[in-house]
Amino acid sequence: VTVIRFKVENLNGVHDVERISREIDSILDQGITKIVLDFKYVKYAGSAALGMMLATRKRLAEIKGRIVLSRAGGIAEILRVSRMTKLFDIADDPREALKQFE
C-alpha cells in the first residue's frame, strides 16, 4: 500500500493538481495497486482535485486496484455535495485506511 500525503492546504490550482496527477500516474505505472490519499493538511479541494481523484479511482478499478481517502475532513463538504462519498472508502487516518486493505 502506498500512502500519498498532500502537504498543501489548497488543492484548487489546476497546475498543482496536474503535477500531482502525473506523480500518481507514475506510481501506478510502477505496478502499485493500493493507494491511500491522505488529506491531513488539505482544507479545500476544487473540481480539478475531484477529477484527479475520480481518474485515479477509475484507473485503479481497471487494474483491480483500490483507493482509500484518509483524513478527508477538510474536503468532506465538497465530497458530500458532489456525492462522491459513495464512490470512495474513507478512513479517519492512514492506519485505519491500511486496515481497509486487509
PDB file of N, CA and C in Angstrom:
ATOM      1  N   VAL A   1       0.854  -1.179   0.000  1.00  0.00           N
ATOM      2  CA  VAL A   1       0.000   0.000   0.000  1.00  0.00           C
ATOM      3  C   VAL A   1       0.890   1.228   0.000  1.00  0.00           C
ATOM      4  N   THR A   2       0.599   2.153  -0.891  1.00  0.00           N
ATOM      5  CA  THR A   2       1.338   3.412  -0.962  1.00  0.00           C
ATOM      6  C   THR A   2       0.459   4.533  -0.417  1.00  0.00           C
ATOM      7  N   VAL A   3       0.999   5.284   0.557  1.00  0.00           N
ATOM      8  CA  VAL A   3       0.287   6.427   1.133  1.00  0.00           C
ATOM      9  C   VAL A   3       0.829   7.690   0.484  1.00  0.00           C
ATOM     10  N   ILE A   4      -0.073   8.471  -0.090  1.00  0.00           N
ATOM     11  CA  ILE A   4       0.293   9.750  -0.700  1.00  0.00           C
ATOM     12  C   ILE A   4      -0.326  10.845   0.157  1.00  0.00           C
ATOM     13  N   ARG A   5       0.537  11.642   0.799  1.00  0.00           N
ATOM     14  CA  ARG A   5       0.064  12.707   1.684  1.00  0.00           C
ATOM     15  C   ARG A   5       0.252  14.056   1.002  1.00  0.00           C
ATOM     16  N   PHE A   6      -0.843  14.775   0.886  1.00  0.00           N
ATOM     17  CA  PHE A   6      -0.791  16.119   0.307  1.00  0.00           C
ATOM     18  C   PHE A   6      -0.343  17.090   1.388  1.00  0.00           C
ATOM     19  N   LYS A   7       0.647  17.916   1.078  1.00  0.00           N
ATOM     20  CA  LYS A   7       1.189  18.847   2.071  1.00  0.00           C
ATOM     21  C   LYS A   7       0.841  20.290   1.749  1.00  0.00           C
ATOM     22  N   VAL A   8      -0.298  20.477   1.138  1.00  0.00           N
ATOM     23  CA  VAL A   8      -0.784  21.819   0.827  1.00  0.00           C
ATOM     24  C   VAL A   8      -2.170  21.986   1.443  1.00  0.00           C
ATOM     25  N   GLU A   9      -2.538  23.227   1.720  1.00  0.00           N
ATOM     26  CA  GLU A   9      -3.865  23.491   2.263  1.00  0.00           C
ATOM     27  C   GLU A   9      -4.924  23.576   1.181  1.00  0.00           C
ATOM     28  N   ASN A  10      -4.509  23.983  -0.012  1.00  0.00           N
ATOM     29  CA  ASN A  10      -5.460  24.251  -1.067  1.00  0.00           C
ATOM     30  C   ASN A  10      -5.134  23.411  -2.297  1.00  0.00           C
ATOM     31  N   LEU A  11      -6.009  22.465  -2.607  1.00  0.00           N
ATOM     32  CA  LEU A  11      -5.855  21.640  -3.813  1.00  0.00           C
ATOM     33  C   LEU A  11      -6.814  22.152  -4.883  1.00  0.00           C
ATOM     34  N   ASN A  12      -6.630  23.399  -5.243  1.00  0.00           N
ATOM     35  CA  ASN A  12      -7.541  24.039  -6.174  1.00  0.00           C
ATOM     36  C   ASN A  12      -6.862  24.408  -7.487  1.00  0.00           C
ATOM     37  N   GLY A  13      -5.568  24.621  -7.446  1.00  0.00           N
ATOM     38  CA  GLY A  13      -4.853  25.053  -8.637  1.00  0.00           C
ATOM     39  C   GLY A  13      -4.723  23.942  -9.667  1.00  0.00           C
ATOM     40  N   VAL A  14      -5.099  24.238 -10.898  1.00  0.00           N
ATOM     41  CA  VAL A  14      -5.063  23.247 -11.972  1.00  0.00           C
ATOM     42  C   VAL A  14      -3.642  22.738 -12.192  1.00  0.00           C
ATOM     43  N   HIS A  15      -2.662  23.624 -12.154  1.00  0.00           N
ATOM     44  CA  HIS A  15      -1.276  23.216 -12.400  1.00  0.00           C
ATOM     45  C   HIS A  15      -0.784  22.278 -11.298  1.00  0.00           C
ATOM     46  N   ASP A  16      -1.111  22.596 -10.047  1.00  0.00           N
ATOM     47  CA  ASP A  16      -0.714  21.723  -8.942  1.00  0.00           C
ATOM     48  C   ASP A  16      -1.371  20.357  -9.060  1.00  0.00           C
ATOM     49  N   VAL A  17      -2.644  20.347  -9.376  1.00  0.00           N
ATOM     50  CA  VAL A  17      -3.378  19.083  -9.493  1.00  0.00           C
ATOM     51  C   VAL A  17      -2.852  18.266 -10.674  1.00  0.00           C
ATOM     52  N   GLU A  18      -2.527  18.923 -11.778  1.00  0.00           N
ATOM     53  CA  GLU A  18      -1.958  18.206 -12.925  1.00  0.00           C
ATOM     54  C   GLU A  18      -0.614  17.587 -12.569  1.00  0.00           C
ATOM     55  N   ARG A  19       0.210  18.320 -11.821  1.00  0.00           N
ATOM     56  CA  ARG A  19       1.514  17.802 -11.391  1.00  0.00           C
ATOM     57  C   ARG A  19       1.312  16.581 -10.487  1.00  0.00           C
ATOM     58  N   ILE A  20       0.393  16.689  -9.550  1.00  0.00           N
ATOM     59  CA  ILE A  20       0.096  15.574  -8.641  1.00  0.00           C
ATOM     60  C   ILE A  20      -0.440  14.382  -9.429  1.00  0.00           C
ATOM     61  N   SER A  21      -1.298  14.642 -10.406  1.00  0.00           N
ATOM     62  CA  SER A  21      -1.845  13.560 -11.243  1.00  0.00           C
ATOM     63  C   SER A  21      -0.733  12.814 -11.965  1.00  0.00           C
ATOM     64  N   ARG A  22       0.231  13.558 -12.485  1.00  0.00           N
ATOM     65  CA  ARG A  22       1.363  12.923 -13.171  1.00  0.00           C
ATOM     66  C   ARG A  22       2.166  12.055 -12.198  1.00  0.00           C
ATOM     67  N   GLU A  23       2.351  12.548 -10.975  1.00  0.00           N
ATOM     68  CA  GLU A  23       3.091  11.779  -9.979  1.00  0.00           C
ATOM     69  C   GLU A  23       2.326  10.506  -9.599  1.00  0.00           C
ATOM     70  N   ILE A  24       1.023  10.607  -9.451  1.00  0.00           N
ATOM     71  CA  ILE A  24       0.211   9.422  -9.143  1.00  0.00           C
ATOM     72  C   ILE A  24       0.258   8.444 -10.305  1.00  0.00           C
ATOM     73  N   ASP A  25       0.154   8.949 -11.530  1.00  0.00           N
ATOM     74  CA  ASP A  25       0.246   8.075 -12.706  1.00  0.00           C
ATOM     75  C   ASP A  25       1.582   7.341 -12.724  1.00  0.00           C
ATOM     76  N   SER A  26       2.648   8.030 -12.370  1.00  0.00           N
ATOM     77  CA  SER A  26       3.973   7.417 -12.321  1.00  0.00           C
ATOM     78  C   SER A  26       4.010   6.285 -11.293  1.00  0.00           C
ATOM     79  N   ILE A  27       3.376   6.498 -10.169  1.00  0.00           N
ATOM     80  CA  ILE A  27       3.301   5.461  -9.124  1.00  0.00           C
ATOM     81  C   ILE A  27       2.510   4.263  -9.642  1.00  0.00           C
ATOM     82  N   LEU A  28       1.391   4.525 -10.299  1.00  0.00           N
ATOM     83  CA  LEU A  28       0.579   3.433 -10.833  1.00  0.00           C
ATOM     84  C   LEU A  28       1.320   2.689 -11.944  1.00  0.00           C
ATOM     85  N   ASP A  29       2.116   3.412 -12.731  1.00  0.00           N
ATOM     86  CA  ASP A  29       2.902   2.785 -13.791  1.00  0.00           C
ATOM     87  C   ASP A  29       3.932   1.805 -13.228  1.00  0.00           C
ATOM     88  N   GLN A  30       4.285   1.972 -11.959  1.00  0.00           N
ATOM     89  CA  GLN A  30       5.244   1.074 -11.308  1.00  0.00           C
ATOM     90  C   GLN A  30       4.574  -0.213 -10.812  1.00  0.00           C
ATOM     91  N   GLY A  31       3.260  -0.317 -11.022  1.00  0.00           N
ATOM     92  CA  GLY A  31       2.558  -1.525 -10.619  1.00  0.00           C
ATOM     93  C   GLY A  31       1.863  -1.447  -9.275  1.00  0.00           C
ATOM     94  N   ILE A  32       1.867  -0.286  -8.660  1.00  0.00           N
ATOM     95  CA  ILE A  32       1.176  -0.110  -7.375  1.00  0.00           C
ATOM     96  C   ILE A  32      -0.332  -0.193  -7.621  1.00  0.00           C
ATOM     97  N   THR A  33      -1.038  -0.969  -6.801  1.00  0.00           N
ATOM     98  CA  THR A  33      -2.484  -1.130  -6.994  1.00  0.00           C
ATOM     99  C   THR A  33      -3.299  -0.751  -5.764  1.00  0.00           C
ATOM    100  N   LYS A  34      -2.630  -0.368  -4.681  1.00  0.00           N
ATOM    101  CA  LYS A  34      -3.337   0.026  -3.460  1.00  0.00           C
ATOM    102  C   LYS A  34      -2.802   1.376  -3.009  1.00  0.00           C
ATOM    103  N   ILE A  35      -3.693   2.372  -2.993  1.00  0.00           N
ATOM    104  CA  ILE A  35      -3.282   3.737  -2.679  1.00  0.00           C
ATOM    105  C   ILE A  35      -4.169   4.332  -1.597  1.00  0.00           C
ATOM    106  N   VAL A  36      -3.521   5.035  -0.670  1.00  0.00           N
ATOM    107  CA  VAL A  36      -4.222   5.864   0.307  1.00  0.00           C
ATOM    108  C   VAL A  36      -3.880   7.306  -0.023  1.00  0.00           C
ATOM    109  N   LEU A  37      -4.889   8.120  -0.248  1.00  0.00           N
ATOM    110  CA  LEU A  37      -4.682   9.559  -0.424  1.00  0.00           C
ATOM    111  C   LEU A  37      -4.972  10.207   0.927  1.00  0.00           C
ATOM    112  N   ASP A  38      -3.949  10.788   1.539  1.00  0.00           N
ATOM    113  CA  ASP A  38      -4.062  11.375   2.874  1.00  0.00           C
ATOM    114  C   ASP A  38      -4.173  12.896   2.769  1.00  0.00           C
ATOM    115  N   PHE A  39      -5.293  13.400   3.211  1.00  0.00           N
ATOM    116  CA  PHE A  39      -5.603  14.832   3.098  1.00  0.00           C
ATOM    117  C   PHE A  39      -5.387  15.577   4.414  1.00  0.00           C
ATOM    118  N   LYS A  40      -4.426  15.140   5.218  1.00  0.00           N
ATOM    119  CA  LYS A  40      -4.197  15.707   6.549  1.00  0.00           C
ATOM    120  C   LYS A  40      -4.126  17.236   6.545  1.00  0.00           C
ATOM    121  N   TYR A  41      -3.409  17.813   5.611  1.00  0.00           N
ATOM    122  CA  TYR A  41      -3.183  19.262   5.605  1.00  0.00           C
ATOM    123  C   TYR A  41      -4.146  20.023   4.699  1.00  0.00           C
ATOM    124  N   VAL A  42      -4.938  19.317   3.914  1.00  0.00           N
ATOM    125  CA  VAL A  42      -5.796  19.966   2.920  1.00  0.00           C
ATOM    126  C   VAL A  42      -7.060  20.515   3.577  1.00  0.00           C
ATOM    127  N   LYS A  43      -7.308  21.781   3.340  1.00  0.00           N
ATOM    128  CA  LYS A  43      -8.508  22.446   3.860  1.00  0.00           C
ATOM    129  C   LYS A  43      -9.554  22.647   2.778  1.00  0.00           C
ATOM    130  N   TYR A  44      -9.103  22.662   1.517  1.00  0.00           N
ATOM    131  CA  TYR A  44     -10.026  22.900   0.405  1.00  0.00           C
ATOM    132  C   TYR A  44      -9.543  22.161  -0.835  1.00  0.00           C
ATOM    133  N   ALA A  45     -10.478  21.592  -1.548  1.00  0.00           N
ATOM    134  CA  ALA A  45     -10.172  20.964  -2.835  1.00  0.00           C
ATOM    135  C   ALA A  45     -11.220  21.417  -3.839  1.00  0.00           C
ATOM    136  N   GLY A  46     -10.789  21.720  -5.025  1.00  0.00           N
ATOM    137  CA  GLY A  46     -11.696  22.167  -6.073  1.00  0.00           C
ATOM    138  C   GLY A  46     -12.044  21.049  -7.033  1.00  0.00           C
ATOM    139  N   SER A  47     -12.690  21.427  -8.108  1.00  0.00           N
ATOM    140  CA  SER A  47     -13.160  20.436  -9.075  1.00  0.00           C
ATOM    141  C   SER A  47     -12.010  19.696  -9.750  1.00  0.00           C
ATOM    142  N   ALA A  48     -10.876  20.359  -9.933  1.00  0.00           N
ATOM    143  CA  ALA A  48      -9.726  19.677 -10.550  1.00  0.00           C
ATOM    144  C   ALA A  48      -9.248  18.532  -9.655  1.00  0.00           C
ATOM    145  N   ALA A  49      -9.231  18.760  -8.354  1.00  0.00           N
ATOM    146  CA  ALA A  49      -8.827  17.711  -7.411  1.00  0.00           C
ATOM    147  C   ALA A  49      -9.836  16.567  -7.411  1.00  0.00           C
ATOM    148  N   LEU A  50     -11.113  16.898  -7.492  1.00  0.00           N
ATOM    149  CA  LEU A  50     -12.141  15.857  -7.566  1.00  0.00           C
ATOM    150  C   LEU A  50     -11.954  15.026  -8.837  1.00  0.00           C
ATOM    151  N   GLY A  51     -11.664  15.692  -9.930  1.00  0.00           N
ATOM    152  CA  GLY A  51     -11.418  14.993 -11.181  1.00  0.00           C
ATOM    153  C   GLY A  51     -10.214  14.072 -11.081  1.00  0.00           C
ATOM    154  N   MET A  52      -9.163  14.533 -10.417  1.00  0.00           N
ATOM    155  CA  MET A  52      -7.974  13.722 -10.218  1.00  0.00           C
ATOM    156  C   MET A  52      -8.301  12.475  -9.394  1.00  0.00           C
ATOM    157  N   MET A  53      -9.090  12.643  -8.346  1.00  0.00           N
ATOM    158  CA  MET A  53      -9.466  11.503  -7.503  1.00  0.00           C
ATOM    159  C   MET A  53     -10.296  10.498  -8.298  1.00  0.00           C
ATOM    160  N   LEU A  54     -11.227  11.004  -9.104  1.00  0.00           N
ATOM    161  CA  LEU A  54     -12.051  10.108  -9.925  1.00  0.00           C
ATOM    162  C   LEU A  54     -11.217   9.368 -10.967  1.00  0.00           C
ATOM    163  N   ALA A  55     -10.294  10.081 -11.599  1.00  0.00           N
ATOM    164  CA  ALA A  55      -9.439   9.449 -12.610  1.00  0.00           C
ATOM    165  C   ALA A  55      -8.564   8.375 -11.973  1.00  0.00           C
ATOM    166  N   THR A  56      -8.053   8.658 -10.780  1.00  0.00           N
ATOM    167  CA  THR A  56      -7.229   7.675 -10.075  1.00  0.00           C
ATOM    168  C   THR A  56      -8.064   6.462  -9.700  1.00  0.00           C
ATOM    169  N   ARG A  57      -9.266   6.702  -9.212  1.00  0.00           N
ATOM    170  CA  ARG A  57     -10.169   5.603  -8.853  1.00  0.00           C
ATOM    171  C   ARG A  57     -10.477   4.734 -10.077  1.00  0.00           C
ATOM    172  N   LYS A  58     -10.753   5.385 -11.207  1.00  0.00           N
ATOM    173  CA  LYS A  58     -11.079   4.657 -12.426  1.00  0.00           C
ATOM    174  C   LYS A  58      -9.895   3.822 -12.900  1.00  0.00           C
ATOM    175  N   ARG A  59      -8.731   4.422 -12.889  1.00  0.00           N
ATOM    176  CA  ARG A  59      -7.544   3.683 -13.348  1.00  0.00           C
ATOM    177  C   ARG A  59      -7.269   2.489 -12.431  1.00  0.00           C
ATOM    178  N   LEU A  60      -7.409   2.688 -11.124  1.00  0.00           N
ATOM    179  CA  LEU A  60      -7.196   1.580 -10.192  1.00  0.00           C
ATOM    180  C   LEU A  60      -8.247   0.488 -10.394  1.00  0.00           C
ATOM    181  N   ALA A  61      -9.487   0.865 -10.660  1.00  0.00           N
ATOM    182  CA  ALA A  61     -10.541  -0.127 -10.888  1.00  0.00           C
ATOM    183  C   ALA A  61     -10.217  -0.975 -12.116  1.00  0.00           C
ATOM    184  N   GLU A  62      -9.641  -0.358 -13.131  1.00  0.00           N
ATOM    185  CA  GLU A  62      -9.287  -1.080 -14.358  1.00  0.00           C
ATOM    186  C   GLU A  62      -8.223  -2.146 -14.118  1.00  0.00           C
ATOM    187  N   ILE A  63      -7.375  -1.936 -13.115  1.00  0.00           N
ATOM    188  CA  ILE A  63      -6.306  -2.901 -12.828  1.00  0.00           C
ATOM    189  C   ILE A  63      -6.594  -3.673 -11.535  1.00  0.00           C
ATOM    190  N   LYS A  64      -7.852  -3.666 -11.141  1.00  0.00           N
ATOM    191  CA  LYS A  64      -8.290  -4.385  -9.940  1.00  0.00           C
ATOM    192  C   LYS A  64      -7.610  -3.849  -8.682  1.00  0.00           C
ATOM    193  N   GLY A  65      -7.335  -2.556  -8.677  1.00  0.00           N
ATOM    194  CA  GLY A  65      -6.722  -1.904  -7.527  1.00  0.00           C
ATOM    195  C   GLY A  65      -7.775  -1.218  -6.674  1.00  0.00           C
ATOM    196  N   ARG A  66      -7.298  -0.471  -5.692  1.00  0.00           N
ATOM    197  CA  ARG A  66      -8.222   0.154  -4.750  1.00  0.00           C
ATOM    198  C   ARG A  66      -7.618   1.430  -4.189  1.00  0.00           C
ATOM    199  N   ILE A  67      -8.499   2.373  -3.858  1.00  0.00           N
ATOM    200  CA  ILE A  67      -8.096   3.650  -3.283  1.00  0.00           C
ATOM    201  C   ILE A  67      -8.917   3.902  -2.028  1.00  0.00           C
ATOM    202  N   VAL A  68      -8.265   4.464  -1.009  1.00  0.00           N
ATOM    203  CA  VAL A  68      -8.947   4.871   0.215  1.00  0.00           C
ATOM    204  C   VAL A  68      -8.518   6.299   0.515  1.00  0.00           C
ATOM    205  N   LEU A  69      -9.465   7.141   0.885  1.00  0.00           N
ATOM    206  CA  LEU A  69      -9.163   8.513   1.284  1.00  0.00           C
ATOM    207  C   LEU A  69      -8.993   8.545   2.797  1.00  0.00           C
ATOM    208  N   SER A  70      -7.987   9.278   3.259  1.00  0.00           N
ATOM    209  CA  SER A  70      -7.684   9.365   4.681  1.00  0.00           C
ATOM    210  C   SER A  70      -7.708  10.815   5.141  1.00  0.00           C
ATOM    211  N   ARG A  71      -8.215  11.027   6.348  1.00  0.00           N
ATOM    212  CA  ARG A  71      -8.288  12.364   6.966  1.00  0.00           C
ATOM    213  C   ARG A  71      -8.864  13.391   5.994  1.00  0.00           C
ATOM    214  N   ALA A  72     -10.014  13.071   5.440  1.00  0.00           N
ATOM    215  CA  ALA A  72     -10.646  13.911   4.426  1.00  0.00           C
ATOM    216  C   ALA A  72     -11.578  14.966   5.024  1.00  0.00           C
ATOM    217  N   GLY A  73     -11.436  15.259   6.301  1.00  0.00           N
ATOM    218  CA  GLY A  73     -12.318  16.219   6.964  1.00  0.00           C
ATOM    219  C   GLY A  73     -12.358  17.585   6.306  1.00  0.00           C
ATOM    220  N   GLY A  74     -11.206  18.062   5.835  1.00  0.00           N
ATOM    221  CA  GLY A  74     -11.144  19.377   5.208  1.00  0.00           C
ATOM    222  C   GLY A  74     -11.872  19.454   3.883  1.00  0.00           C
ATOM    223  N   ILE A  75     -12.062  18.307   3.251  1.00  0.00           N
ATOM    224  CA  ILE A  75     -12.745  18.289   1.961  1.00  0.00           C
ATOM    225  C   ILE A  75     -14.071  17.533   2.039  1.00  0.00           C
ATOM    226  N   ALA A  76     -14.504  17.246   3.255  1.00  0.00           N
ATOM    227  CA  ALA A  76     -15.729  16.460   3.441  1.00  0.00           C
ATOM    228  C   ALA A  76     -16.947  17.118   2.795  1.00  0.00           C
ATOM    229  N   GLU A  77     -17.030  18.431   2.888  1.00  0.00           N
ATOM    230  CA  GLU A  77     -18.196  19.132   2.344  1.00  0.00           C
ATOM    231  C   GLU A  77     -18.274  18.994   0.822  1.00  0.00           C
ATOM    232  N   ILE A  78     -17.154  19.186   0.137  1.00  0.00           N
ATOM    233  CA  ILE A  78     -17.187  19.079  -1.325  1.00  0.00           C
ATOM    234  C   ILE A  78     -17.423  17.623  -1.755  1.00  0.00           C
ATOM    235  N   LEU A  79     -16.919  16.670  -0.983  1.00  0.00           N
ATOM    236  CA  LEU A  79     -17.197  15.264  -1.281  1.00  0.00           C
ATOM    237  C   LEU A  79     -18.691  14.974  -1.120  1.00  0.00           C
ATOM    238  N   ARG A  80     -19.278  15.541  -0.067  1.00  0.00           N
ATOM    239  CA  ARG A  80     -20.703  15.316   0.190  1.00  0.00           C
ATOM    240  C   ARG A  80     -21.562  15.976  -0.882  1.00  0.00           C
ATOM    241  N   VAL A  81     -21.281  17.223  -1.189  1.00  0.00           N
ATOM    242  CA  VAL A  81     -22.070  17.973  -2.164  1.00  0.00           C
ATOM    243  C   VAL A  81     -21.978  17.344  -3.552  1.00  0.00           C
ATOM    244  N   SER A  82     -20.802  16.842  -3.890  1.00  0.00           N
ATOM    245  CA  SER A  82     -20.615  16.224  -5.204  1.00  0.00           C
ATOM    246  C   SER A  82     -21.040  14.753  -5.218  1.00  0.00           C
ATOM    247  N   ARG A  83     -21.520  14.291  -4.082  1.00  0.00           N
ATOM    248  CA  ARG A  83     -21.988  12.905  -3.906  1.00  0.00           C
ATOM    249  C   ARG A  83     -20.892  11.879  -4.170  1.00  0.00           C
ATOM    250  N   MET A  84     -19.677  12.265  -3.879  1.00  0.00           N
ATOM    251  CA  MET A  84     -18.555  11.363  -4.084  1.00  0.00           C
ATOM    252  C   MET A  84     -18.253  10.498  -2.866  1.00  0.00           C
ATOM    253  N   THR A  85     -18.912  10.769  -1.746  1.00  0.00           N
ATOM    254  CA  THR A  85     -18.670   9.940  -0.560  1.00  0.00           C
ATOM    255  C   THR A  85     -19.093   8.496  -0.803  1.00  0.00           C
ATOM    256  N   LYS A  86     -20.016   8.292  -1.729  1.00  0.00           N
ATOM    257  CA  LYS A  86     -20.458   6.935  -2.049  1.00  0.00           C
ATOM    258  C   LYS A  86     -19.452   6.202  -2.937  1.00  0.00           C
ATOM    259  N   LEU A  87     -18.585   6.940  -3.585  1.00  0.00           N
ATOM    260  CA  LEU A  87     -17.626   6.333  -4.515  1.00  0.00           C
ATOM    261  C   LEU A  87     -16.315   5.923  -3.853  1.00  0.00           C
ATOM    262  N   PHE A  88     -16.021   6.514  -2.700  1.00  0.00           N
ATOM    263  CA  PHE A  88     -14.724   6.290  -2.059  1.00  0.00           C
ATOM    264  C   PHE A  88     -14.897   5.714  -0.659  1.00  0.00           C
ATOM    265  N   ASP A  89     -13.969   4.835  -0.301  1.00  0.00           N
ATOM    266  CA  ASP A  89     -13.848   4.423   1.087  1.00  0.00           C
ATOM    267  C   ASP A  89     -13.070   5.525   1.783  1.00  0.00           C
ATOM    268  N   ILE A  90     -13.526   5.902   2.972  1.00  0.00           N
ATOM    269  CA  ILE A  90     -12.894   6.993   3.704  1.00  0.00           C
ATOM    270  C   ILE A  90     -12.529   6.509   5.093  1.00  0.00           C
ATOM    271  N   ALA A  91     -11.291   6.819   5.505  1.00  0.00           N
ATOM    272  CA  ALA A  91     -10.798   6.410   6.817  1.00  0.00           C
ATOM    273  C   ALA A  91     -10.409   7.637   7.634  1.00  0.00           C
ATOM    274  N   ASP A  92     -10.434   7.484   8.954  1.00  0.00           N
ATOM    275  CA  ASP A  92     -10.075   8.587   9.841  1.00  0.00           C
ATOM    276  C   ASP A  92      -8.599   8.952   9.764  1.00  0.00           C
ATOM    277  N   ASP A  93      -7.742   7.965   9.519  1.00  0.00           N
ATOM    278  CA  ASP A  93      -6.305   8.198   9.445  1.00  0.00           C
ATOM    279  C   ASP A  93      -5.668   7.093   8.597  1.00  0.00           C
ATOM    280  N   PRO A  94      -4.388   7.253   8.246  1.00  0.00           N
ATOM    281  CA  PRO A  94      -3.747   6.251   7.385  1.00  0.00           C
ATOM    282  C   PRO A  94      -3.743   4.843   7.976  1.00  0.00           C
ATOM    283  N   ARG A  95      -3.565   4.715   9.274  1.00  0.00           N
ATOM    284  CA  ARG A  95      -3.575   3.371   9.878  1.00  0.00           C
ATOM    285  C   ARG A  95      -4.916   2.694   9.666  1.00  0.00           C
ATOM    286  N   GLU A  96      -5.979   3.452   9.866  1.00  0.00           N
ATOM    287  CA  GLU A  96      -7.327   2.911   9.636  1.00  0.00           C
ATOM    288  C   GLU A  96      -7.513   2.572   8.157  1.00  0.00           C
ATOM    289  N   ALA A  97      -6.958   3.398   7.299  1.00  0.00           N
ATOM    290  CA  ALA A  97      -7.050   3.137   5.864  1.00  0.00           C
ATOM    291  C   ALA A  97      -6.340   1.838   5.507  1.00  0.00           C
ATOM    292  N   LEU A  98      -5.179   1.605   6.081  1.00  0.00           N
ATOM    293  CA  LEU A  98      -4.424   0.383   5.800  1.00  0.00           C
ATOM    294  C   LEU A  98      -5.226  -0.851   6.191  1.00  0.00           C
ATOM    295  N   LYS A  99      -5.967  -0.753   7.274  1.00  0.00           N
ATOM    296  CA  LYS A  99      -6.798  -1.892   7.716  1.00  0.00           C
ATOM    297  C   LYS A  99      -7.864  -2.232   6.700  1.00  0.00           C
ATOM    298  N   GLN A 100      -8.310  -1.257   5.912  1.00  0.00           N
ATOM    299  CA  GLN A 100      -9.354  -1.498   4.926  1.00  0.00           C
ATOM    300  C   GLN A 100      -8.847  -2.333   3.742  1.00  0.00           C
ATOM    301  N   PHE A 101      -7.540  -2.483   3.634  1.00  0.00           N
ATOM    302  CA  PHE A 101      -6.977  -3.305   2.555  1.00  0.00           C
ATOM    303  C   PHE A 101      -6.804  -4.758   2.968  1.00  0.00           C
ATOM    304  N   GLU A 102      -6.987  -5.057   4.244  1.00  0.00           N
ATOM    305  CA  GLU A 102      -6.801  -6.427   4.735  1.00  0.00           C
ATOM    306  C   GLU A 102      -7.919  -7.332   4.296  1.00  0.00           C
TER     307      GLU A 102
END
